[in-house]
Amino acid sequence: TFSSYTMGWFRQAPGKEREFVAAISRSLGRTA
């Protein structure tokens, strides 16, 4: 069930480490 998961987006540029972009909670749509 998708709604059970907190979701995030990350990105990785060439030669760099993967970094956080955005995240959203399961409920209430809290974001970072």
Full PDB file with SEQRES, HELIX, SHEET, SSBOND, CRYST1, ORIGX, SCALE, CONECT and MASTER records, all heavy atoms in Angstrom:
SEQRES   1 A   32  THR PHE SER SER TYR THR MET GLY TRP PHE ARG GLN ALA          
SEQRES   2 A   32  PRO GLY LYS GLU ARG GLU PHE VAL ALA ALA ILE SER ARG          
SEQRES   3 A   32  SER LEU GLY ARG THR ALA                                      
HELIX    1 AA1 PHE A    2  SER A    4  5                                   3    
SHEET    1 AA1 2 MET A   7  ARG A  11  0                                        
SHEET    2 AA1 2 GLU A  19  ILE A  24 -1                                        
CRYST1    1.000    1.000    1.000  90.00  90.00  90.00 P 1           1          
ORIGX1      1.000000  0.000000  0.000000        0.00000                         
ORIGX2      0.000000  1.000000  0.000000        0.00000                         
ORIGX3      0.000000  0.000000  1.000000        0.00000                         
SCALE1      1.000000  0.000000  0.000000        0.00000                         
SCALE2      0.000000  1.000000  0.000000        0.00000                         
SCALE3      0.000000  0.000000  1.000000        0.00000                         
ATOM      1  N   THR A   1       0.814  -1.199   0.000  1.00  0.00           N  
ATOM      2  CA  THR A   1       0.000   0.000   0.000  1.00  0.00           C  
ATOM      3  C   THR A   1       0.851   1.253   0.000  1.00  0.00           C  
ATOM      4  O   THR A   1       1.608   1.509   0.928  1.00  0.00           O  
ATOM      5  CB  THR A   1      -0.925  -0.001   1.222  1.00  0.00           C  
ATOM      6  OG1 THR A   1      -1.663  -1.216   1.255  1.00  0.00           O  
ATOM      7  CG2 THR A   1      -1.888   1.174   1.153  1.00  0.00           C  
ATOM      8  N   PHE A   2       0.699   2.032  -1.043  1.00  0.00           N  
ATOM      9  CA  PHE A   2       1.512   3.237  -1.230  1.00  0.00           C  
ATOM     10  C   PHE A   2       1.329   4.205  -0.077  1.00  0.00           C  
ATOM     11  O   PHE A   2       2.288   4.848   0.362  1.00  0.00           O  
ATOM     12  CB  PHE A   2       1.124   3.885  -2.559  1.00  0.00           C  
ATOM     13  CG  PHE A   2       1.800   5.185  -2.827  1.00  0.00           C  
ATOM     14  CD1 PHE A   2       3.153   5.228  -3.142  1.00  0.00           C  
ATOM     15  CD2 PHE A   2       1.095   6.380  -2.773  1.00  0.00           C  
ATOM     16  CE1 PHE A   2       3.792   6.429  -3.404  1.00  0.00           C  
ATOM     17  CE2 PHE A   2       1.721   7.583  -3.034  1.00  0.00           C  
ATOM     18  CZ  PHE A   2       3.070   7.611  -3.347  1.00  0.00           C  
ATOM     19  N   SER A   3       0.119   4.309   0.422  1.00  0.00           N  
ATOM     20  CA  SER A   3      -0.158   5.283   1.480  1.00  0.00           C  
ATOM     21  C   SER A   3       0.559   4.951   2.785  1.00  0.00           C  
ATOM     22  O   SER A   3       0.576   5.764   3.705  1.00  0.00           O  
ATOM     23  CB  SER A   3      -1.662   5.389   1.729  1.00  0.00           C  
ATOM     24  OG  SER A   3      -2.188   4.132   2.102  1.00  0.00           O  
ATOM     25  N   SER A   4       1.169   3.779   2.873  1.00  0.00           N  
ATOM     26  CA  SER A   4       1.909   3.396   4.071  1.00  0.00           C  
ATOM     27  C   SER A   4       3.302   4.015   4.117  1.00  0.00           C  
ATOM     28  O   SER A   4       3.975   3.932   5.155  1.00  0.00           O  
ATOM     29  CB  SER A   4       2.067   1.878   4.142  1.00  0.00           C  
ATOM     30  OG  SER A   4       0.830   1.216   4.177  1.00  0.00           O  
ATOM     31  N   TYR A   5       3.726   4.637   3.042  1.00  0.00           N  
ATOM     32  CA  TYR A   5       5.118   5.054   2.913  1.00  0.00           C  
ATOM     33  C   TYR A   5       5.309   6.559   2.970  1.00  0.00           C  
ATOM     34  O   TYR A   5       4.562   7.327   2.342  1.00  0.00           O  
ATOM     35  CB  TYR A   5       5.709   4.544   1.600  1.00  0.00           C  
ATOM     36  CG  TYR A   5       5.837   3.041   1.567  1.00  0.00           C  
ATOM     37  CD1 TYR A   5       4.825   2.255   1.041  1.00  0.00           C  
ATOM     38  CD2 TYR A   5       6.957   2.423   2.098  1.00  0.00           C  
ATOM     39  CE1 TYR A   5       4.933   0.883   1.034  1.00  0.00           C  
ATOM     40  CE2 TYR A   5       7.081   1.049   2.085  1.00  0.00           C  
ATOM     41  CZ  TYR A   5       6.060   0.288   1.554  1.00  0.00           C  
ATOM     42  OH  TYR A   5       6.174  -1.078   1.554  1.00  0.00           O  
ATOM     43  N   THR A   6       6.323   6.952   3.689  1.00  0.00           N  
ATOM     44  CA  THR A   6       6.883   8.289   3.556  1.00  0.00           C  
ATOM     45  C   THR A   6       7.738   8.283   2.298  1.00  0.00           C  
ATOM     46  O   THR A   6       8.493   7.341   2.054  1.00  0.00           O  
ATOM     47  CB  THR A   6       7.744   8.633   4.789  1.00  0.00           C  
ATOM     48  OG1 THR A   6       6.899   8.710   5.938  1.00  0.00           O  
ATOM     49  CG2 THR A   6       8.485   9.937   4.600  1.00  0.00           C  
ATOM     50  N   MET A   7       7.630   9.335   1.489  1.00  0.00           N  
ATOM     51  CA  MET A   7       8.296   9.370   0.201  1.00  0.00           C  
ATOM     52  C   MET A   7       9.307  10.515   0.133  1.00  0.00           C  
ATOM     53  O   MET A   7       9.106  11.572   0.745  1.00  0.00           O  
ATOM     54  CB  MET A   7       7.269   9.544  -0.921  1.00  0.00           C  
ATOM     55  CG  MET A   7       6.206   8.454  -0.968  1.00  0.00           C  
ATOM     56  SD  MET A   7       6.879   6.818  -1.265  1.00  0.00           S  
ATOM     57  CE  MET A   7       7.604   7.024  -2.894  1.00  0.00           C  
ATOM     58  N   GLY A   8      10.355  10.274  -0.632  1.00  0.00           N  
ATOM     59  CA  GLY A   8      11.372  11.303  -0.792  1.00  0.00           C  
ATOM     60  C   GLY A   8      11.919  11.333  -2.201  1.00  0.00           C  
ATOM     61  O   GLY A   8      11.804  10.364  -2.959  1.00  0.00           O  
ATOM     62  N   TRP A   9      12.493  12.464  -2.558  1.00  0.00           N  
ATOM     63  CA  TRP A   9      13.240  12.624  -3.803  1.00  0.00           C  
ATOM     64  C   TRP A   9      14.674  13.005  -3.445  1.00  0.00           C  
ATOM     65  O   TRP A   9      14.905  13.877  -2.584  1.00  0.00           O  
ATOM     66  CB  TRP A   9      12.639  13.719  -4.679  1.00  0.00           C  
ATOM     67  CG  TRP A   9      11.385  13.339  -5.395  1.00  0.00           C  
ATOM     68  CD1 TRP A   9      10.100  13.606  -5.008  1.00  0.00           C  
ATOM     69  CD2 TRP A   9      11.290  12.643  -6.642  1.00  0.00           C  
ATOM     70  NE1 TRP A   9       9.214  13.099  -5.926  1.00  0.00           N  
ATOM     71  CE2 TRP A   9       9.917  12.512  -6.944  1.00  0.00           C  
ATOM     72  CE3 TRP A   9      12.225  12.104  -7.530  1.00  0.00           C  
ATOM     73  CZ2 TRP A   9       9.464  11.873  -8.100  1.00  0.00           C  
ATOM     74  CZ3 TRP A   9      11.776  11.473  -8.671  1.00  0.00           C  
ATOM     75  CH2 TRP A   9      10.415  11.359  -8.947  1.00  0.00           C  
ATOM     76  N   PHE A  10      15.606  12.368  -4.121  1.00  0.00           N  
ATOM     77  CA  PHE A  10      17.023  12.674  -3.989  1.00  0.00           C  
ATOM     78  C   PHE A  10      17.586  12.872  -5.390  1.00  0.00           C  
ATOM     79  O   PHE A  10      16.943  12.512  -6.382  1.00  0.00           O  
ATOM     80  CB  PHE A  10      17.757  11.518  -3.289  1.00  0.00           C  
ATOM     81  CG  PHE A  10      17.421  11.378  -1.827  1.00  0.00           C  
ATOM     82  CD1 PHE A  10      16.211  10.838  -1.424  1.00  0.00           C  
ATOM     83  CD2 PHE A  10      18.311  11.799  -0.858  1.00  0.00           C  
ATOM     84  CE1 PHE A  10      15.883  10.718  -0.077  1.00  0.00           C  
ATOM     85  CE2 PHE A  10      18.014  11.682   0.490  1.00  0.00           C  
ATOM     86  CZ  PHE A  10      16.800  11.143   0.871  1.00  0.00           C  
ATOM     87  N   ARG A  11      18.788  13.427  -5.463  1.00  0.00           N  
ATOM     88  CA  ARG A  11      19.431  13.572  -6.758  1.00  0.00           C  
ATOM     89  C   ARG A  11      20.931  13.385  -6.617  1.00  0.00           C  
ATOM     90  O   ARG A  11      21.504  13.617  -5.547  1.00  0.00           O  
ATOM     91  CB  ARG A  11      19.113  14.936  -7.382  1.00  0.00           C  
ATOM     92  CG  ARG A  11      19.707  16.129  -6.640  1.00  0.00           C  
ATOM     93  CD  ARG A  11      19.211  17.421  -7.258  1.00  0.00           C  
ATOM     94  NE  ARG A  11      19.798  18.590  -6.592  1.00  0.00           N  
ATOM     95  CZ  ARG A  11      19.446  19.849  -6.868  1.00  0.00           C  
ATOM     96  NH1 ARG A  11      18.514  20.096  -7.769  1.00  0.00           N  
ATOM     97  NH2 ARG A  11      20.033  20.837  -6.223  1.00  0.00           N  
ATOM     98  N   GLN A  12      21.529  12.976  -7.726  1.00  0.00           N  
ATOM     99  CA  GLN A  12      22.977  12.792  -7.750  1.00  0.00           C  
ATOM    100  C   GLN A  12      23.533  13.365  -9.034  1.00  0.00           C  
ATOM    101  O   GLN A  12      23.208  12.888 -10.128  1.00  0.00           O  
ATOM    102  CB  GLN A  12      23.346  11.315  -7.628  1.00  0.00           C  
ATOM    103  CG  GLN A  12      24.838  11.078  -7.482  1.00  0.00           C  
ATOM    104  CD  GLN A  12      25.153   9.657  -7.069  1.00  0.00           C  
ATOM    105  OE1 GLN A  12      24.356   8.735  -7.251  1.00  0.00           O  
ATOM    106  NE2 GLN A  12      26.334   9.454  -6.498  1.00  0.00           N  
ATOM    107  N   ALA A  13      24.351  14.381  -8.896  1.00  0.00           N  
ATOM    108  CA  ALA A  13      25.024  15.005 -10.035  1.00  0.00           C  
ATOM    109  C   ALA A  13      26.334  14.267 -10.306  1.00  0.00           C  
ATOM    110  O   ALA A  13      26.881  13.626  -9.398  1.00  0.00           O  
ATOM    111  CB  ALA A  13      25.288  16.471  -9.736  1.00  0.00           C  
ATOM    112  N   PRO A  14      26.849  14.373 -11.514  1.00  0.00           N  
ATOM    113  CA  PRO A  14      28.100  13.693 -11.846  1.00  0.00           C  
ATOM    114  C   PRO A  14      29.227  14.088 -10.890  1.00  0.00           C  
ATOM    115  O   PRO A  14      29.445  15.275 -10.635  1.00  0.00           O  
ATOM    116  CB  PRO A  14      28.389  14.156 -13.264  1.00  0.00           C  
ATOM    117  CG  PRO A  14      27.055  14.499 -13.828  1.00  0.00           C  
ATOM    118  CD  PRO A  14      26.272  15.063 -12.684  1.00  0.00           C  
ATOM    119  N   GLY A  15      29.899  13.089 -10.346  1.00  0.00           N  
ATOM    120  CA  GLY A  15      31.020  13.345  -9.462  1.00  0.00           C  
ATOM    121  C   GLY A  15      30.654  13.791  -8.067  1.00  0.00           C  
ATOM    122  O   GLY A  15      31.535  14.130  -7.269  1.00  0.00           O  
ATOM    123  N   LYS A  16      29.359  13.784  -7.751  1.00  0.00           N  
ATOM    124  CA  LYS A  16      28.924  14.239  -6.426  1.00  0.00           C  
ATOM    125  C   LYS A  16      28.135  13.134  -5.730  1.00  0.00           C  
ATOM    126  O   LYS A  16      27.668  12.191  -6.345  1.00  0.00           O  
ATOM    127  CB  LYS A  16      28.066  15.500  -6.548  1.00  0.00           C  
ATOM    128  CG  LYS A  16      28.820  16.706  -7.081  1.00  0.00           C  
ATOM    129  CD  LYS A  16      27.965  17.954  -6.997  1.00  0.00           C  
ATOM    130  CE  LYS A  16      28.743  19.175  -7.458  1.00  0.00           C  
ATOM    131  NZ  LYS A  16      27.929  20.419  -7.365  1.00  0.00           N  
ATOM    132  N   GLU A  17      27.992  13.294  -4.422  1.00  0.00           N  
ATOM    133  CA  GLU A  17      27.204  12.334  -3.661  1.00  0.00           C  
ATOM    134  C   GLU A  17      25.710  12.614  -3.867  1.00  0.00           C  
ATOM    135  O   GLU A  17      25.302  13.733  -4.191  1.00  0.00           O  
ATOM    136  CB  GLU A  17      27.559  12.436  -2.173  1.00  0.00           C  
ATOM    137  CG  GLU A  17      28.974  11.995  -1.858  1.00  0.00           C  
ATOM    138  CD  GLU A  17      29.250  11.966  -0.367  1.00  0.00           C  
ATOM    139  OE1 GLU A  17      28.416  12.474   0.400  1.00  0.00           O  
ATOM    140  OE2 GLU A  17      30.306  11.445   0.015  1.00  0.00           O  
ATOM    141  N   ARG A  18      24.928  11.587  -3.619  1.00  0.00           N  
ATOM    142  CA  ARG A  18      23.480  11.750  -3.703  1.00  0.00           C  
ATOM    143  C   ARG A  18      23.027  12.673  -2.575  1.00  0.00           C  
ATOM    144  O   ARG A  18      23.495  12.552  -1.430  1.00  0.00           O  
ATOM    145  CB  ARG A  18      22.792  10.396  -3.619  1.00  0.00           C  
ATOM    146  CG  ARG A  18      21.329  10.434  -3.962  1.00  0.00           C  
ATOM    147  CD  ARG A  18      20.819   9.102  -4.517  1.00  0.00           C  
ATOM    148  NE  ARG A  18      21.100   7.954  -3.697  1.00  0.00           N  
ATOM    149  CZ  ARG A  18      20.776   6.713  -4.041  1.00  0.00           C  
ATOM    150  NH1 ARG A  18      20.163   6.479  -5.196  1.00  0.00           N  
ATOM    151  NH2 ARG A  18      21.044   5.716  -3.242  1.00  0.00           N  
ATOM    152  N   GLU A  19      22.101  13.593  -2.910  1.00  0.00           N  
ATOM    153  CA  GLU A  19      21.642  14.567  -1.933  1.00  0.00           C  
ATOM    154  C   GLU A  19      20.123  14.616  -1.886  1.00  0.00           C  
ATOM    155  O   GLU A  19      19.439  14.335  -2.859  1.00  0.00           O  
ATOM    156  CB  GLU A  19      22.187  15.955  -2.259  1.00  0.00           C  
ATOM    157  CG  GLU A  19      21.687  16.538  -3.566  1.00  0.00           C  
ATOM    158  CD  GLU A  19      22.188  17.964  -3.807  1.00  0.00           C  
ATOM    159  OE1 GLU A  19      23.031  18.453  -3.032  1.00  0.00           O  
ATOM    160  OE2 GLU A  19      21.715  18.589  -4.772  1.00  0.00           O  
ATOM    161  N   PHE A  20      19.641  15.021  -0.720  1.00  0.00           N  
ATOM    162  CA  PHE A  20      18.219  15.162  -0.491  1.00  0.00           C  
ATOM    163  C   PHE A  20      17.655  16.327  -1.290  1.00  0.00           C  
ATOM    164  O   PHE A  20      18.282  17.388  -1.414  1.00  0.00           O  
ATOM    165  CB  PHE A  20      17.971  15.385   1.008  1.00  0.00           C  
ATOM    166  CG  PHE A  20      16.581  15.791   1.359  1.00  0.00           C  
ATOM    167  CD1 PHE A  20      15.547  14.867   1.326  1.00  0.00           C  
ATOM    168  CD2 PHE A  20      16.294  17.096   1.725  1.00  0.00           C  
ATOM    169  CE1 PHE A  20      14.263  15.242   1.643  1.00  0.00           C  
ATOM    170  CE2 PHE A  20      15.017  17.479   2.050  1.00  0.00           C  
ATOM    171  CZ  PHE A  20      13.995  16.548   2.013  1.00  0.00           C  
ATOM    172  N   VAL A  21      16.422  16.132  -1.805  1.00  0.00           N  
ATOM    173  CA  VAL A  21      15.726  17.200  -2.521  1.00  0.00           C  
ATOM    174  C   VAL A  21      14.439  17.571  -1.792  1.00  0.00           C  
ATOM    175  O   VAL A  21      14.219  18.733  -1.448  1.00  0.00           O  
ATOM    176  CB  VAL A  21      15.412  16.803  -3.969  1.00  0.00           C  
ATOM    177  CG1 VAL A  21      14.617  17.904  -4.664  1.00  0.00           C  
ATOM    178  CG2 VAL A  21      16.700  16.493  -4.732  1.00  0.00           C  
ATOM    179  N   ALA A  22      13.571  16.579  -1.561  1.00  0.00           N  
ATOM    180  CA  ALA A  22      12.275  16.856  -0.947  1.00  0.00           C  
ATOM    181  C   ALA A  22      11.702  15.569  -0.374  1.00  0.00           C  
ATOM    182  O   ALA A  22      12.078  14.471  -0.785  1.00  0.00           O  
ATOM    183  CB  ALA A  22      11.304  17.447  -1.973  1.00  0.00           C  
ATOM    184  N   ALA A  23      10.788  15.723   0.587  1.00  0.00           N  
ATOM    185  CA  ALA A  23      10.127  14.569   1.189  1.00  0.00           C  
ATOM    186  C   ALA A  23       8.709  14.941   1.575  1.00  0.00           C  
ATOM    187  O   ALA A  23       8.403  16.123   1.804  1.00  0.00           O  
ATOM    188  CB  ALA A  23      10.892  14.082   2.413  1.00  0.00           C  
ATOM    189  N   ILE A  24       7.846  13.923   1.653  1.00  0.00           N  
ATOM    190  CA  ILE A  24       6.458  14.147   2.023  1.00  0.00           C  
ATOM    191  C   ILE A  24       6.001  13.009   2.931  1.00  0.00           C  
ATOM    192  O   ILE A  24       6.341  11.845   2.718  1.00  0.00           O  
ATOM    193  CB  ILE A  24       5.563  14.273   0.770  1.00  0.00           C  
ATOM    194  CG1 ILE A  24       4.146  14.703   1.152  1.00  0.00           C  
ATOM    195  CG2 ILE A  24       5.560  12.988  -0.050  1.00  0.00           C  
ATOM    196  CD1 ILE A  24       3.325  15.178  -0.041  1.00  0.00           C  
ATOM    197  N   SER A  25       5.226  13.350   3.950  1.00  0.00           N  
ATOM    198  CA  SER A  25       4.771  12.372   4.930  1.00  0.00           C  
ATOM    199  C   SER A  25       3.642  11.517   4.375  1.00  0.00           C  
ATOM    200  O   SER A  25       3.056  11.806   3.333  1.00  0.00           O  
ATOM    201  CB  SER A  25       4.295  13.097   6.193  1.00  0.00           C  
ATOM    202  OG  SER A  25       3.176  13.921   5.894  1.00  0.00           O  
ATOM    203  N   ARG A  26       3.327  10.468   5.133  1.00  0.00           N  
ATOM    204  CA  ARG A  26       2.206   9.603   4.765  1.00  0.00           C  
ATOM    205  C   ARG A  26       0.893  10.363   4.832  1.00  0.00           C  
ATOM    206  O   ARG A  26       0.044  10.223   3.953  1.00  0.00           O  
ATOM    207  CB  ARG A  26       2.135   8.426   5.730  1.00  0.00           C  
ATOM    208  CG  ARG A  26       3.142   7.356   5.537  1.00  0.00           C  
ATOM    209  CD  ARG A  26       3.056   6.335   6.644  1.00  0.00           C  
ATOM    210  NE  ARG A  26       1.720   5.797   6.814  1.00  0.00           N  
ATOM    211  CZ  ARG A  26       1.379   4.975   7.780  1.00  0.00           C  
ATOM    212  NH1 ARG A  26       2.274   4.599   8.680  1.00  0.00           N  
ATOM    213  NH2 ARG A  26       0.152   4.515   7.878  1.00  0.00           N  
ATOM    214  N   SER A  27       0.718  11.115   5.907  1.00  0.00           N  
ATOM    215  CA  SER A  27      -0.547  11.804   6.149  1.00  0.00           C  
ATOM    216  C   SER A  27      -0.323  13.301   6.322  1.00  0.00           C  
ATOM    217  O   SER A  27       0.767  13.736   6.677  1.00  0.00           O  
ATOM    218  CB  SER A  27      -1.220  11.253   7.404  1.00  0.00           C  
ATOM    219  OG  SER A  27      -1.560   9.905   7.244  1.00  0.00           O  
ATOM    220  N   LEU A  28      -1.357  14.048   6.070  1.00  0.00           N  
ATOM    221  CA  LEU A  28      -1.380  15.509   6.232  1.00  0.00           C  
ATOM    222  C   LEU A  28      -0.476  16.238   5.253  1.00  0.00           C  
ATOM    223  O   LEU A  28      -0.451  17.471   5.267  1.00  0.00           O  
ATOM    224  CB  LEU A  28      -0.995  15.927   7.655  1.00  0.00           C  
ATOM    225  CG  LEU A  28      -1.997  15.605   8.760  1.00  0.00           C  
ATOM    226  CD1 LEU A  28      -1.541  16.226  10.071  1.00  0.00           C  
ATOM    227  CD2 LEU A  28      -3.383  16.115   8.399  1.00  0.00           C  
ATOM    228  N   GLY A  29       0.256  15.518   4.428  1.00  0.00           N  
ATOM    229  CA  GLY A  29       1.076  16.162   3.414  1.00  0.00           C  
ATOM    230  C   GLY A  29       2.173  17.041   3.970  1.00  0.00           C  
ATOM    231  O   GLY A  29       2.529  18.055   3.352  1.00  0.00           O  
ATOM    232  N   ARG A  30       2.724  16.676   5.119  1.00  0.00           N  
ATOM    233  CA  ARG A  30       3.875  17.444   5.619  1.00  0.00           C  
ATOM    234  C   ARG A  30       5.042  17.268   4.658  1.00  0.00           C  
ATOM    235  O   ARG A  30       5.278  16.179   4.145  1.00  0.00           O  
ATOM    236  CB  ARG A  30       4.266  16.946   7.010  1.00  0.00           C  
ATOM    237  CG  ARG A  30       3.327  17.370   8.114  1.00  0.00           C  
ATOM    238  CD  ARG A  30       3.921  16.988   9.452  1.00  0.00           C  
ATOM    239  NE  ARG A  30       5.182  17.674   9.686  1.00  0.00           N  
ATOM    240  CZ  ARG A  30       6.087  17.299  10.581  1.00  0.00           C  
ATOM    241  NH1 ARG A  30       5.884  16.216  11.320  1.00  0.00           N  
ATOM    242  NH2 ARG A  30       7.190  17.966  10.759  1.00  0.00           N  
ATOM    243  N   THR A  31       5.758  18.366   4.424  1.00  0.00           N  
ATOM    244  CA  THR A  31       6.841  18.331   3.445  1.00  0.00           C  
ATOM    245  C   THR A  31       8.132  18.917   4.014  1.00  0.00           C  
ATOM    246  O   THR A  31       8.115  19.658   5.007  1.00  0.00           O  
ATOM    247  CB  THR A  31       6.472  19.119   2.181  1.00  0.00           C  
ATOM    248  OG1 THR A  31       6.154  20.473   2.546  1.00  0.00           O  
ATOM    249  CG2 THR A  31       5.270  18.500   1.475  1.00  0.00           C  
ATOM    250  N   ALA A  32       9.222  18.564   3.368  1.00  0.00           N  
ATOM    251  CA  ALA A  32      10.529  19.136   3.683  1.00  0.00           C  
ATOM    252  C   ALA A  32      11.283  19.311   2.375  1.00  0.00           C  
ATOM    253  O   ALA A  32      11.112  18.507   1.447  1.00  0.00           O  
ATOM    254  CB  ALA A  32      11.310  18.235   4.630  1.00  0.00           C  
TER     255      ALA A  32                                                      
MASTER        0    0    0    1    2    0    0    6  254    1    0    3          
END                                                                             
